[in-house]
Amino acid sequence: MSALALALMVLLTAISPAAAHAGGLSPTGVRGAVLDVSPRVPGLTVVTIEDGARLEVRNDTAATVRVPAGGGQNRPVTVPAGTTRTWIDARATALDRDLGDAERATWSVPLTAGGTTVTVTGEHVAEPAPAALPWWALAAAVAGTLIAVARRARRPHVLLAVAGLTTVAASLVHVVGSTLAVQSAPLWGTFLDATGIGLLVWPLVVVAAVAAIRGRAGGVLGVCAGAGLSVVFILPDLTVFHFGVLPFAGPDALERLLVAVVLGTGTAAAVAGAGALRALADSGEQAQALPPGRGSIHDQSSIHDQSPGHDQSPSHDLSQSHQRENS
């Protein structure tokens, strides 16, 4: 077993799944927004970000803004003059919010700006859930088709490599889109947090895919392990099939498609690996079954024609005819 495949197998057994999405966000069925800040204070701006997951207070006044605890919010928040703060406020956040049968609900958060008491009011709006069955069916169809084709392919290890590379590409785009949806944290730090061990797995899968295309068993094992890890990482994100608000910087349908592709191609690559290894083993046994020094039928006929007593060249025929005439 190659060092590459061994490294991926160790990762598979040693780590746990990553967080569902970047920045601590997760799919939900509710959006949130600020409706009013009363009374108006010049220089004070309060908005929701990340589809209502967090409050953002920009304090361009000369006084400190204080947000008291209460209503499920355990800690007060202080925003000094000239700064901006973002936080998940239990009174306003849309994360894990369930409106039941209601389509809308209002919320309010009190704060003080200097000596002025201000009330921020907002609204939660329920978003309908998508039809989940088609996305599950798509993932199953991708996995089933690839597994069936791999069983009949003459070179299943090549198909396995392509499936592994597709899994990596879809995983990367998914992580990038989730990272760009986060407004409350630095971009690169959020990206590194979201990728986690993927920064190591993805390059190793690419190298393993190249080795698998060349017919190396270690490459096949590496692709299988990397694809399996990608599926494990995507499991918390399967909720995107069931919620209407997704933390993704792009169309919701694209996010669901990426998750379905990772689930389908990753599962297929992991399952089809055994068949690819058997095909490689069979081809190796056939190559070893030929006698030493003997190649294809064409090579054998060439050797036969060049053996002593079997020279059929025109010069040889002319030499024999000349000898008969002299006798």
C-alpha atoms as a PDB file:
ATOM      1  CA  MET A   1       0.000   0.000   0.000  1.00  0.00           C
ATOM      2  CA  SER A   2       1.356   3.427  -0.965  1.00  0.00           C
ATOM      3  CA  ALA A   3       2.084   6.135   1.582  1.00  0.00           C
ATOM      4  CA  LEU A   4      -0.628   8.247  -0.029  1.00  0.00           C
ATOM      5  CA  ALA A   5      -3.370   5.688   0.513  1.00  0.00           C
ATOM      6  CA  LEU A   6      -2.143   4.979   4.037  1.00  0.00           C
ATOM      7  CA  ALA A   7      -2.271   8.674   4.933  1.00  0.00           C
ATOM      8  CA  LEU A   8      -5.834   9.019   3.701  1.00  0.00           C
ATOM      9  CA  MET A   9      -6.969   5.914   5.571  1.00  0.00           C
ATOM     10  CA  VAL A  10      -5.444   7.254   8.786  1.00  0.00           C
ATOM     11  CA  LEU A  11      -7.323  10.536   8.281  1.00  0.00           C
ATOM     12  CA  LEU A  12     -10.553   8.629   7.705  1.00  0.00           C
ATOM     13  CA  THR A  13     -10.319   6.912  11.070  1.00  0.00           C
ATOM     14  CA  ALA A  14      -8.830   9.745  13.090  1.00  0.00           C
ATOM     15  CA  ILE A  15     -11.004  12.806  12.477  1.00  0.00           C
ATOM     16  CA  SER A  16     -14.607  13.789  12.934  1.00  0.00           C
ATOM     17  CA  PRO A  17     -16.995  15.593  10.577  1.00  0.00           C
ATOM     18  CA  ALA A  18     -16.610  19.330  10.088  1.00  0.00           C
ATOM     19  CA  ALA A  19     -19.142  21.912  11.137  1.00  0.00           C
ATOM     20  CA  ALA A  20     -22.255  22.189   9.016  1.00  0.00           C
ATOM     21  CA  HIS A  21     -21.401  25.571   7.442  1.00  0.00           C
ATOM     22  CA  ALA A  22     -18.854  28.331   7.775  1.00  0.00           C
ATOM     23  CA  GLY A  23     -19.193  30.912  10.526  1.00  0.00           C
ATOM     24  CA  GLY A  24     -21.432  28.751  12.691  1.00  0.00           C
ATOM     25  CA  LEU A  25     -24.356  29.265  10.314  1.00  0.00           C
ATOM     26  CA  SER A  26     -26.776  26.530   9.328  1.00  0.00           C
ATOM     27  CA  PRO A  27     -29.817  26.114   7.075  1.00  0.00           C
ATOM     28  CA  THR A  28     -33.045  27.396   8.540  1.00  0.00           C
ATOM     29  CA  GLY A  29     -36.623  28.082   7.560  1.00  0.00           C
ATOM     30  CA  VAL A  30     -36.815  31.707   8.704  1.00  0.00           C
ATOM     31  CA  ARG A  31     -35.337  35.030   7.561  1.00  0.00           C
ATOM     32  CA  GLY A  32     -34.962  38.042   9.824  1.00  0.00           C
ATOM     33  CA  ALA A  33     -34.770  41.792   9.204  1.00  0.00           C
ATOM     34  CA  VAL A  34     -34.823  45.070  11.137  1.00  0.00           C
ATOM     35  CA  LEU A  35     -37.953  47.119  10.542  1.00  0.00           C
ATOM     36  CA  ASP A  36     -37.383  50.186  12.715  1.00  0.00           C
ATOM     37  CA  VAL A  37     -34.995  51.860  15.150  1.00  0.00           C
ATOM     38  CA  SER A  38     -36.918  54.232  17.431  1.00  0.00           C
ATOM     39  CA  PRO A  39     -36.140  56.915  18.228  1.00  0.00           C
ATOM     40  CA  ARG A  40     -33.630  57.665  15.510  1.00  0.00           C
ATOM     41  CA  VAL A  41     -30.164  58.480  16.783  1.00  0.00           C
ATOM     42  CA  PRO A  42     -27.799  60.186  14.327  1.00  0.00           C
ATOM     43  CA  GLY A  43     -24.789  57.940  13.663  1.00  0.00           C
ATOM     44  CA  LEU A  44     -26.428  54.773  15.031  1.00  0.00           C
ATOM     45  CA  THR A  45     -27.171  52.002  12.524  1.00  0.00           C
ATOM     46  CA  VAL A  46     -28.702  48.634  13.419  1.00  0.00           C
ATOM     47  CA  VAL A  47     -29.257  45.933  10.777  1.00  0.00           C
ATOM     48  CA  THR A  48     -29.435  42.172  10.504  1.00  0.00           C
ATOM     49  CA  ILE A  49     -26.839  40.247   8.499  1.00  0.00           C
ATOM     50  CA  GLU A  50     -26.528  36.673   7.246  1.00  0.00           C
ATOM     51  CA  ASP A  51     -30.272  36.352   6.582  1.00  0.00           C
ATOM     52  CA  GLY A  52     -31.112  37.441  10.102  1.00  0.00           C
ATOM     53  CA  ALA A  53     -28.681  35.227  11.978  1.00  0.00           C
ATOM     54  CA  ARG A  54     -26.833  38.151  13.596  1.00  0.00           C
ATOM     55  CA  LEU A  55     -27.406  41.741  14.603  1.00  0.00           C
ATOM     56  CA  GLU A  56     -24.916  44.374  13.521  1.00  0.00           C
ATOM     57  CA  VAL A  57     -24.609  47.677  15.356  1.00  0.00           C
ATOM     58  CA  ARG A  58     -22.471  50.410  13.791  1.00  0.00           C
ATOM     59  CA  ASN A  59     -21.858  53.144  16.340  1.00  0.00           C
ATOM     60  CA  ASP A  60     -20.746  56.404  14.746  1.00  0.00           C
ATOM     61  CA  THR A  61     -22.011  58.464  17.676  1.00  0.00           C
ATOM     62  CA  ALA A  62     -19.889  59.998  20.412  1.00  0.00           C
ATOM     63  CA  ALA A  63     -21.376  57.747  23.117  1.00  0.00           C
ATOM     64  CA  THR A  64     -21.152  54.052  23.987  1.00  0.00           C
ATOM     65  CA  VAL A  65     -24.049  51.863  22.926  1.00  0.00           C
ATOM     66  CA  ARG A  66     -25.133  49.224  25.419  1.00  0.00           C
ATOM     67  CA  VAL A  67     -27.439  46.273  24.713  1.00  0.00           C
ATOM     68  CA  PRO A  68     -28.733  44.713  27.972  1.00  0.00           C
ATOM     69  CA  ALA A  69     -29.240  41.014  28.547  1.00  0.00           C
ATOM     70  CA  GLY A  70     -32.682  39.516  28.789  1.00  0.00           C
ATOM     71  CA  GLY A  71     -35.251  37.695  26.719  1.00  0.00           C
ATOM     72  CA  GLY A  72     -32.987  34.706  26.350  1.00  0.00           C
ATOM     73  CA  GLN A  73     -29.856  36.799  25.753  1.00  0.00           C
ATOM     74  CA  ASN A  74     -27.511  35.892  28.602  1.00  0.00           C
ATOM     75  CA  ARG A  75     -24.807  38.520  28.160  1.00  0.00           C
ATOM     76  CA  PRO A  76     -24.973  42.271  27.564  1.00  0.00           C
ATOM     77  CA  VAL A  77     -23.207  43.733  24.541  1.00  0.00           C
ATOM     78  CA  THR A  78     -21.197  46.957  24.538  1.00  0.00           C
ATOM     79  CA  VAL A  79     -20.376  48.885  21.364  1.00  0.00           C
ATOM     80  CA  PRO A  80     -17.860  51.689  21.977  1.00  0.00           C
ATOM     81  CA  ALA A  81     -18.039  54.887  19.960  1.00  0.00           C
ATOM     82  CA  GLY A  82     -16.583  54.546  16.455  1.00  0.00           C
ATOM     83  CA  THR A  83     -16.811  50.746  16.343  1.00  0.00           C
ATOM     84  CA  THR A  84     -19.034  48.025  14.898  1.00  0.00           C
ATOM     85  CA  ARG A  85     -20.155  44.848  16.655  1.00  0.00           C
ATOM     86  CA  THR A  86     -21.965  41.772  15.379  1.00  0.00           C
ATOM     87  CA  TRP A  87     -23.438  39.025  17.533  1.00  0.00           C
ATOM     88  CA  ILE A  88     -26.137  36.360  17.669  1.00  0.00           C
ATOM     89  CA  ASP A  89     -28.879  37.817  19.833  1.00  0.00           C
ATOM     90  CA  ALA A  90     -31.369  35.236  21.085  1.00  0.00           C
ATOM     91  CA  ARG A  91     -34.201  37.777  20.838  1.00  0.00           C
ATOM     92  CA  ALA A  92     -33.631  38.485  17.160  1.00  0.00           C
ATOM     93  CA  THR A  93     -31.722  35.648  15.530  1.00  0.00           C
ATOM     94  CA  ALA A  94     -33.371  33.548  12.825  1.00  0.00           C
ATOM     95  CA  LEU A  95     -31.114  30.577  13.544  1.00  0.00           C
ATOM     96  CA  ASP A  96     -33.084  27.547  14.766  1.00  0.00           C
ATOM     97  CA  ARG A  97     -36.206  29.693  14.778  1.00  0.00           C
ATOM     98  CA  ASP A  98     -39.507  27.853  14.365  1.00  0.00           C
ATOM     99  CA  LEU A  99     -42.579  29.958  13.716  1.00  0.00           C
ATOM    100  CA  GLY A 100     -44.921  26.984  13.760  1.00  0.00           C
ATOM    101  CA  ASP A 101     -47.969  27.692  11.620  1.00  0.00           C
ATOM    102  CA  ALA A 102     -47.324  31.437  11.581  1.00  0.00           C
ATOM    103  CA  GLU A 103     -45.835  33.092   8.508  1.00  0.00           C
ATOM    104  CA  ARG A 104     -44.492  36.150  10.329  1.00  0.00           C
ATOM    105  CA  ALA A 105     -43.480  37.189  13.840  1.00  0.00           C
ATOM    106  CA  THR A 106     -42.063  40.388  15.312  1.00  0.00           C
ATOM    107  CA  TRP A 107     -39.199  40.827  17.745  1.00  0.00           C
ATOM    108  CA  SER A 108     -37.628  43.716  19.660  1.00  0.00           C
ATOM    109  CA  VAL A 109     -34.261  44.448  21.257  1.00  0.00           C
ATOM    110  CA  PRO A 110     -33.715  47.422  23.640  1.00  0.00           C
ATOM    111  CA  LEU A 111     -30.474  49.381  23.807  1.00  0.00           C
ATOM    112  CA  THR A 112     -29.143  52.679  25.079  1.00  0.00           C
ATOM    113  CA  ALA A 113     -27.068  55.226  23.164  1.00  0.00           C
ATOM    114  CA  GLY A 114     -25.622  57.654  25.678  1.00  0.00           C
ATOM    115  CA  GLY A 115     -28.648  58.680  27.705  1.00  0.00           C
ATOM    116  CA  THR A 116     -31.205  57.720  25.055  1.00  0.00           C
ATOM    117  CA  THR A 117     -33.239  54.519  25.281  1.00  0.00           C
ATOM    118  CA  VAL A 118     -33.755  52.989  21.855  1.00  0.00           C
ATOM    119  CA  THR A 119     -35.952  50.100  20.734  1.00  0.00           C
ATOM    120  CA  VAL A 120     -34.999  48.039  17.691  1.00  0.00           C
ATOM    121  CA  THR A 121     -37.926  46.152  16.185  1.00  0.00           C
ATOM    122  CA  GLY A 122     -37.738  43.524  13.516  1.00  0.00           C
ATOM    123  CA  GLU A 123     -39.562  40.728  11.817  1.00  0.00           C
ATOM    124  CA  HIS A 124     -39.124  37.000  11.184  1.00  0.00           C
ATOM    125  CA  VAL A 125     -40.563  35.657   7.935  1.00  0.00           C
ATOM    126  CA  ALA A 126     -41.039  31.943   7.309  1.00  0.00           C
ATOM    127  CA  GLU A 127     -39.587  30.586   4.069  1.00  0.00           C
ATOM    128  CA  PRO A 128     -41.272  27.517   2.542  1.00  0.00           C
ATOM    129  CA  ALA A 129     -39.217  24.351   2.478  1.00  0.00           C
ATOM    130  CA  PRO A 130     -38.182  23.007  -0.922  1.00  0.00           C
ATOM    131  CA  ALA A 131     -39.198  19.624  -2.281  1.00  0.00           C
ATOM    132  CA  ALA A 132     -36.465  17.436  -0.802  1.00  0.00           C
ATOM    133  CA  LEU A 133     -37.218  14.204  -2.652  1.00  0.00           C
ATOM    134  CA  PRO A 134     -35.850  15.305  -6.063  1.00  0.00           C
ATOM    135  CA  TRP A 135     -32.479  16.201  -4.529  1.00  0.00           C
ATOM    136  CA  TRP A 136     -32.220  12.885  -2.695  1.00  0.00           C
ATOM    137  CA  ALA A 137     -33.215  11.141  -5.932  1.00  0.00           C
ATOM    138  CA  LEU A 138     -30.536  13.039  -7.844  1.00  0.00           C
ATOM    139  CA  ALA A 139     -27.825  11.985  -5.390  1.00  0.00           C
ATOM    140  CA  ALA A 140     -28.992   8.367  -5.535  1.00  0.00           C
ATOM    141  CA  ALA A 141     -29.162   8.437  -9.336  1.00  0.00           C
ATOM    142  CA  VAL A 142     -25.626   9.809  -9.633  1.00  0.00           C
ATOM    143  CA  ALA A 143     -24.267   7.176  -7.250  1.00  0.00           C
ATOM    144  CA  GLY A 144     -26.196   4.311  -8.833  1.00  0.00           C
ATOM    145  CA  THR A 145     -25.271   5.257 -12.391  1.00  0.00           C
ATOM    146  CA  LEU A 146     -21.565   5.611 -11.650  1.00  0.00           C
ATOM    147  CA  ILE A 147     -21.463   2.308  -9.763  1.00  0.00           C
ATOM    148  CA  ALA A 148     -23.259   0.482 -12.600  1.00  0.00           C
ATOM    149  CA  VAL A 149     -21.024   1.992 -15.292  1.00  0.00           C
ATOM    150  CA  ALA A 150     -17.888   1.214 -13.273  1.00  0.00           C
ATOM    151  CA  ARG A 151     -18.855  -2.460 -13.060  1.00  0.00           C
ATOM    152  CA  ARG A 152     -19.038  -2.704 -16.854  1.00  0.00           C
ATOM    153  CA  ALA A 153     -16.162  -0.400 -17.749  1.00  0.00           C
ATOM    154  CA  ARG A 154     -12.926  -1.835 -19.121  1.00  0.00           C
ATOM    155  CA  ARG A 155     -10.938   0.651 -17.021  1.00  0.00           C
ATOM    156  CA  PRO A 156     -13.035   1.353 -13.918  1.00  0.00           C
ATOM    157  CA  HIS A 157     -10.072   2.924 -12.140  1.00  0.00           C
ATOM    158  CA  VAL A 158     -10.200   5.834 -14.625  1.00  0.00           C
ATOM    159  CA  LEU A 159     -13.898   6.401 -13.943  1.00  0.00           C
ATOM    160  CA  LEU A 160     -13.152   6.188 -10.227  1.00  0.00           C
ATOM    161  CA  ALA A 161     -10.491   8.891 -10.555  1.00  0.00           C
ATOM    162  CA  VAL A 162     -12.885  11.193 -12.434  1.00  0.00           C
ATOM    163  CA  ALA A 163     -15.553  10.666  -9.755  1.00  0.00           C
ATOM    164  CA  GLY A 164     -13.034  11.514  -7.040  1.00  0.00           C
ATOM    165  CA  LEU A 165     -11.947  14.709  -8.797  1.00  0.00           C
ATOM    166  CA  THR A 166     -15.576  15.717  -9.303  1.00  0.00           C
ATOM    167  CA  THR A 167     -16.230  15.180  -5.593  1.00  0.00           C
ATOM    168  CA  VAL A 168     -13.305  17.409  -4.665  1.00  0.00           C
ATOM    169  CA  ALA A 169     -14.351  20.160  -7.085  1.00  0.00           C
ATOM    170  CA  ALA A 170     -17.943  20.207  -5.812  1.00  0.00           C
ATOM    171  CA  SER A 171     -16.749  20.203  -2.189  1.00  0.00           C
ATOM    172  CA  LEU A 172     -14.447  23.149  -2.846  1.00  0.00           C
ATOM    173  CA  VAL A 173     -17.153  25.263  -4.513  1.00  0.00           C
ATOM    174  CA  HIS A 174     -19.530  24.408  -1.646  1.00  0.00           C
ATOM    175  CA  VAL A 175     -17.014  25.596   0.950  1.00  0.00           C
ATOM    176  CA  VAL A 176     -16.203  28.782  -0.981  1.00  0.00           C
ATOM    177  CA  GLY A 177     -19.892  29.658  -1.306  1.00  0.00           C
ATOM    178  CA  SER A 178     -20.484  29.003   2.401  1.00  0.00           C
ATOM    179  CA  THR A 179     -17.478  31.159   3.300  1.00  0.00           C
ATOM    180  CA  LEU A 180     -18.613  34.108   1.200  1.00  0.00           C
ATOM    181  CA  ALA A 181     -21.997  34.046   2.955  1.00  0.00           C
ATOM    182  CA  VAL A 182     -20.346  34.963   6.278  1.00  0.00           C
ATOM    183  CA  GLN A 183     -20.174  38.722   6.903  1.00  0.00           C
ATOM    184  CA  SER A 184     -19.200  38.694  10.559  1.00  0.00           C
ATOM    185  CA  ALA A 185     -15.693  37.191  10.362  1.00  0.00           C
ATOM    186  CA  PRO A 186     -12.500  37.614   8.303  1.00  0.00           C
ATOM    187  CA  LEU A 187     -12.637  35.909   4.919  1.00  0.00           C
ATOM    188  CA  TRP A 188      -9.523  33.742   5.058  1.00  0.00           C
ATOM    189  CA  GLY A 189     -10.002  32.707   8.661  1.00  0.00           C
ATOM    190  CA  THR A 190     -13.564  31.668   7.870  1.00  0.00           C
ATOM    191  CA  PHE A 191     -12.408  29.727   4.811  1.00  0.00           C
ATOM    192  CA  LEU A 192      -9.738  27.842   6.749  1.00  0.00           C
ATOM    193  CA  ASP A 193     -12.218  27.052   9.500  1.00  0.00           C
ATOM    194  CA  ALA A 194     -14.760  25.787   6.980  1.00  0.00           C
ATOM    195  CA  THR A 195     -12.327  23.615   5.018  1.00  0.00           C
ATOM    196  CA  GLY A 196     -10.643  22.032   8.030  1.00  0.00           C
ATOM    197  CA  ILE A 197      -8.894  18.833   7.020  1.00  0.00           C
ATOM    198  CA  GLY A 198     -10.117  19.347   3.457  1.00  0.00           C
ATOM    199  CA  LEU A 199      -7.004  21.422   2.799  1.00  0.00           C
ATOM    200  CA  LEU A 200      -5.031  18.201   3.164  1.00  0.00           C
ATOM    201  CA  VAL A 201      -7.558  15.753   1.733  1.00  0.00           C
ATOM    202  CA  TRP A 202      -8.250  17.603  -1.517  1.00  0.00           C
ATOM    203  CA  PRO A 203      -4.641  17.774  -2.799  1.00  0.00           C
ATOM    204  CA  LEU A 204      -4.063  14.167  -1.768  1.00  0.00           C
ATOM    205  CA  VAL A 205      -7.149  13.037  -3.690  1.00  0.00           C
ATOM    206  CA  VAL A 206      -5.868  14.855  -6.789  1.00  0.00           C
ATOM    207  CA  VAL A 207      -2.523  13.067  -6.524  1.00  0.00           C
ATOM    208  CA  ALA A 208      -4.279   9.761  -5.848  1.00  0.00           C
ATOM    209  CA  ALA A 209      -6.506  10.255  -8.904  1.00  0.00           C
ATOM    210  CA  VAL A 210      -3.460  10.688 -11.126  1.00  0.00           C
ATOM    211  CA  ALA A 211      -1.980   7.489  -9.706  1.00  0.00           C
ATOM    212  CA  ALA A 212      -5.296   5.675 -10.192  1.00  0.00           C
ATOM    213  CA  ILE A 213      -5.441   6.720 -13.851  1.00  0.00           C
ATOM    214  CA  ARG A 214      -1.993   5.163 -14.262  1.00  0.00           C
ATOM    215  CA  GLY A 215      -3.374   1.898 -12.909  1.00  0.00           C
ATOM    216  CA  ARG A 216      -1.787   1.956  -9.461  1.00  0.00           C
ATOM    217  CA  ALA A 217      -3.672   0.235  -6.668  1.00  0.00           C
ATOM    218  CA  GLY A 218      -2.474   2.755  -4.085  1.00  0.00           C
ATOM    219  CA  GLY A 219      -4.059   5.546  -6.104  1.00  0.00           C
ATOM    220  CA  VAL A 220      -7.386   3.690  -6.181  1.00  0.00           C
ATOM    221  CA  LEU A 221      -7.297   3.267  -2.417  1.00  0.00           C
ATOM    222  CA  GLY A 222      -6.423   6.938  -1.977  1.00  0.00           C
ATOM    223  CA  VAL A 223      -9.359   8.089  -4.102  1.00  0.00           C
ATOM    224  CA  CYS A 224     -11.720   5.788  -2.184  1.00  0.00           C
ATOM    225  CA  ALA A 225     -10.568   7.130   1.172  1.00  0.00           C
ATOM    226  CA  GLY A 226     -10.691  10.765   0.024  1.00  0.00           C
ATOM    227  CA  ALA A 227     -14.161  10.325  -1.448  1.00  0.00           C
ATOM    228  CA  GLY A 228     -15.325   8.690   1.776  1.00  0.00           C
ATOM    229  CA  LEU A 229     -14.002  11.631   3.792  1.00  0.00           C
ATOM    230  CA  SER A 230     -15.786  14.090   1.518  1.00  0.00           C
ATOM    231  CA  VAL A 231     -19.071  12.280   2.075  1.00  0.00           C
ATOM    232  CA  VAL A 232     -18.526  12.289   5.844  1.00  0.00           C
ATOM    233  CA  PHE A 233     -17.860  16.051   5.751  1.00  0.00           C
ATOM    234  CA  ILE A 234     -20.983  16.756   3.719  1.00  0.00           C
ATOM    235  CA  LEU A 235     -23.352  14.800   5.977  1.00  0.00           C
ATOM    236  CA  PRO A 236     -24.195  17.773   8.254  1.00  0.00           C
ATOM    237  CA  ASP A 237     -25.034  19.788   5.142  1.00  0.00           C
ATOM    238  CA  LEU A 238     -27.735  17.402   3.919  1.00  0.00           C
ATOM    239  CA  THR A 239     -30.242  19.647   5.699  1.00  0.00           C
ATOM    240  CA  VAL A 240     -29.993  21.999   2.695  1.00  0.00           C
ATOM    241  CA  PHE A 241     -32.516  19.666   1.023  1.00  0.00           C
ATOM    242  CA  HIS A 242     -35.103  20.465   3.696  1.00  0.00           C
ATOM    243  CA  PHE A 243     -34.807  24.198   4.498  1.00  0.00           C
ATOM    244  CA  GLY A 244     -35.556  27.322   2.512  1.00  0.00           C
ATOM    245  CA  VAL A 245     -32.845  29.651   3.847  1.00  0.00           C
ATOM    246  CA  LEU A 246     -29.282  28.535   3.114  1.00  0.00           C
ATOM    247  CA  PRO A 247     -26.020  30.187   4.234  1.00  0.00           C
ATOM    248  CA  PHE A 248     -24.557  30.200   0.727  1.00  0.00           C
ATOM    249  CA  ALA A 249     -23.395  33.087  -1.473  1.00  0.00           C
ATOM    250  CA  GLY A 250     -25.243  31.968  -4.566  1.00  0.00           C
ATOM    251  CA  PRO A 251     -28.489  30.416  -5.755  1.00  0.00           C
ATOM    252  CA  ASP A 252     -30.003  27.956  -3.322  1.00  0.00           C
ATOM    253  CA  ALA A 253     -30.425  25.449  -6.155  1.00  0.00           C
ATOM    254  CA  LEU A 254     -26.667  25.533  -6.815  1.00  0.00           C
ATOM    255  CA  GLU A 255     -25.908  24.770  -3.170  1.00  0.00           C
ATOM    256  CA  ARG A 256     -28.306  21.814  -3.173  1.00  0.00           C
ATOM    257  CA  LEU A 257     -26.824  20.579  -6.460  1.00  0.00           C
ATOM    258  CA  LEU A 258     -23.282  20.715  -5.051  1.00  0.00           C
ATOM    259  CA  VAL A 259     -24.278  18.751  -1.961  1.00  0.00           C
ATOM    260  CA  ALA A 260     -26.095  16.150  -4.092  1.00  0.00           C
ATOM    261  CA  VAL A 261     -23.060  15.793  -6.380  1.00  0.00           C
ATOM    262  CA  VAL A 262     -20.655  15.326  -3.468  1.00  0.00           C
ATOM    263  CA  LEU A 263     -22.964  12.768  -1.892  1.00  0.00           C
ATOM    264  CA  GLY A 264     -23.506  10.888  -5.158  1.00  0.00           C
ATOM    265  CA  THR A 265     -20.020  10.893  -6.666  1.00  0.00           C
ATOM    266  CA  GLY A 266     -18.299  10.431  -3.312  1.00  0.00           C
ATOM    267  CA  THR A 267     -20.435   7.428  -2.440  1.00  0.00           C
ATOM    268  CA  ALA A 268     -19.930   5.933  -5.903  1.00  0.00           C
ATOM    269  CA  ALA A 269     -16.162   6.353  -5.731  1.00  0.00           C
ATOM    270  CA  ALA A 270     -15.993   4.733  -2.310  1.00  0.00           C
ATOM    271  CA  VAL A 271     -18.217   1.794  -3.316  1.00  0.00           C
ATOM    272  CA  ALA A 272     -16.744   1.237  -6.794  1.00  0.00           C
ATOM    273  CA  GLY A 273     -13.207   1.113  -5.459  1.00  0.00           C
ATOM    274  CA  ALA A 274     -13.365  -2.619  -4.731  1.00  0.00           C
ATOM    275  CA  GLY A 275     -14.355  -3.394  -8.322  1.00  0.00           C
ATOM    276  CA  ALA A 276     -11.606  -1.171  -9.689  1.00  0.00           C
ATOM    277  CA  LEU A 277      -9.037  -2.971  -7.555  1.00  0.00           C
ATOM    278  CA  ARG A 278     -10.281  -6.360  -8.784  1.00  0.00           C
ATOM    279  CA  ALA A 279     -10.030  -5.189 -12.394  1.00  0.00           C
ATOM    280  CA  LEU A 280      -6.462  -4.040 -11.831  1.00  0.00           C
ATOM    281  CA  ALA A 281      -5.594  -7.346 -10.170  1.00  0.00           C
ATOM    282  CA  ASP A 282      -7.114  -9.337 -13.064  1.00  0.00           C
ATOM    283  CA  SER A 283      -5.181  -7.358 -15.655  1.00  0.00           C
ATOM    284  CA  GLY A 284      -1.981  -7.924 -13.684  1.00  0.00           C
ATOM    285  CA  GLU A 285      -2.601 -11.676 -13.521  1.00  0.00           C
ATOM    286  CA  GLN A 286      -3.197 -11.843 -17.276  1.00  0.00           C
ATOM    287  CA  ALA A 287       0.063 -10.045 -17.928  1.00  0.00           C
ATOM    288  CA  GLN A 288       1.951 -12.444 -15.664  1.00  0.00           C
ATOM    289  CA  ALA A 289       0.344 -15.493 -17.355  1.00  0.00           C
ATOM    290  CA  LEU A 290       2.334 -14.985 -20.597  1.00  0.00           C
ATOM    291  CA  PRO A 291       5.521 -17.179 -20.792  1.00  0.00           C
ATOM    292  CA  PRO A 292       8.815 -15.346 -20.322  1.00  0.00           C
ATOM    293  CA  GLY A 293      10.170 -14.020 -23.597  1.00  0.00           C
ATOM    294  CA  ARG A 294       6.828 -14.359 -25.384  1.00  0.00           C
ATOM    295  CA  GLY A 295       4.666 -11.381 -26.212  1.00  0.00           C
ATOM    296  CA  SER A 296       1.767 -10.954 -28.587  1.00  0.00           C
ATOM    297  CA  ILE A 297       0.895 -13.213 -31.557  1.00  0.00           C
ATOM    298  CA  HIS A 298       2.522 -10.720 -33.886  1.00  0.00           C
ATOM    299  CA  ASP A 299       5.764 -10.838 -31.904  1.00  0.00           C
ATOM    300  CA  GLN A 300       5.747 -14.648 -31.897  1.00  0.00           C
ATOM    301  CA  SER A 301       5.256 -14.849 -35.670  1.00  0.00           C
ATOM    302  CA  SER A 302       8.109 -12.414 -36.167  1.00  0.00           C
ATOM    303  CA  ILE A 303      10.401 -14.562 -34.051  1.00  0.00           C
ATOM    304  CA  HIS A 304       9.273 -17.668 -35.949  1.00  0.00           C
ATOM    305  CA  ASP A 305      10.021 -16.103 -39.340  1.00  0.00           C
ATOM    306  CA  GLN A 306      13.521 -15.056 -38.256  1.00  0.00           C
ATOM    307  CA  SER A 307      14.532 -18.508 -36.921  1.00  0.00           C
ATOM    308  CA  PRO A 308      17.193 -20.641 -38.781  1.00  0.00           C
ATOM    309  CA  GLY A 309      15.740 -22.536 -41.745  1.00  0.00           C
ATOM    310  CA  HIS A 310      12.849 -20.147 -42.174  1.00  0.00           C
ATOM    311  CA  ASP A 311      14.485 -17.322 -44.099  1.00  0.00           C
ATOM    312  CA  GLN A 312      12.039 -16.435 -46.863  1.00  0.00           C
ATOM    313  CA  SER A 313      13.811 -13.331 -48.146  1.00  0.00           C
ATOM    314  CA  PRO A 314      14.140 -12.808 -51.978  1.00  0.00           C
ATOM    315  CA  SER A 315      17.980 -12.870 -51.822  1.00  0.00           C
ATOM    316  CA  HIS A 316      17.895 -16.296 -50.225  1.00  0.00           C
ATOM    317  CA  ASP A 317      15.651 -17.662 -53.041  1.00  0.00           C
ATOM    318  CA  LEU A 318      17.957 -16.227 -55.739  1.00  0.00           C
ATOM    319  CA  SER A 319      21.017 -17.809 -54.122  1.00  0.00           C
ATOM    320  CA  GLN A 320      19.406 -21.256 -54.148  1.00  0.00           C
ATOM    321  CA  SER A 321      18.386 -20.920 -57.823  1.00  0.00           C
ATOM    322  CA  HIS A 322      21.942 -19.937 -58.867  1.00  0.00           C
ATOM    323  CA  GLN A 323      23.421 -22.965 -57.109  1.00  0.00           C
ATOM    324  CA  ARG A 324      21.065 -25.333 -59.019  1.00  0.00           C
ATOM    325  CA  GLU A 325      22.043 -23.815 -62.385  1.00  0.00           C
ATOM    326  CA  ASN A 326      25.787 -24.296 -61.697  1.00  0.00           C
ATOM    327  CA  SER A 327      25.265 -27.918 -60.790  1.00  0.00           C
END
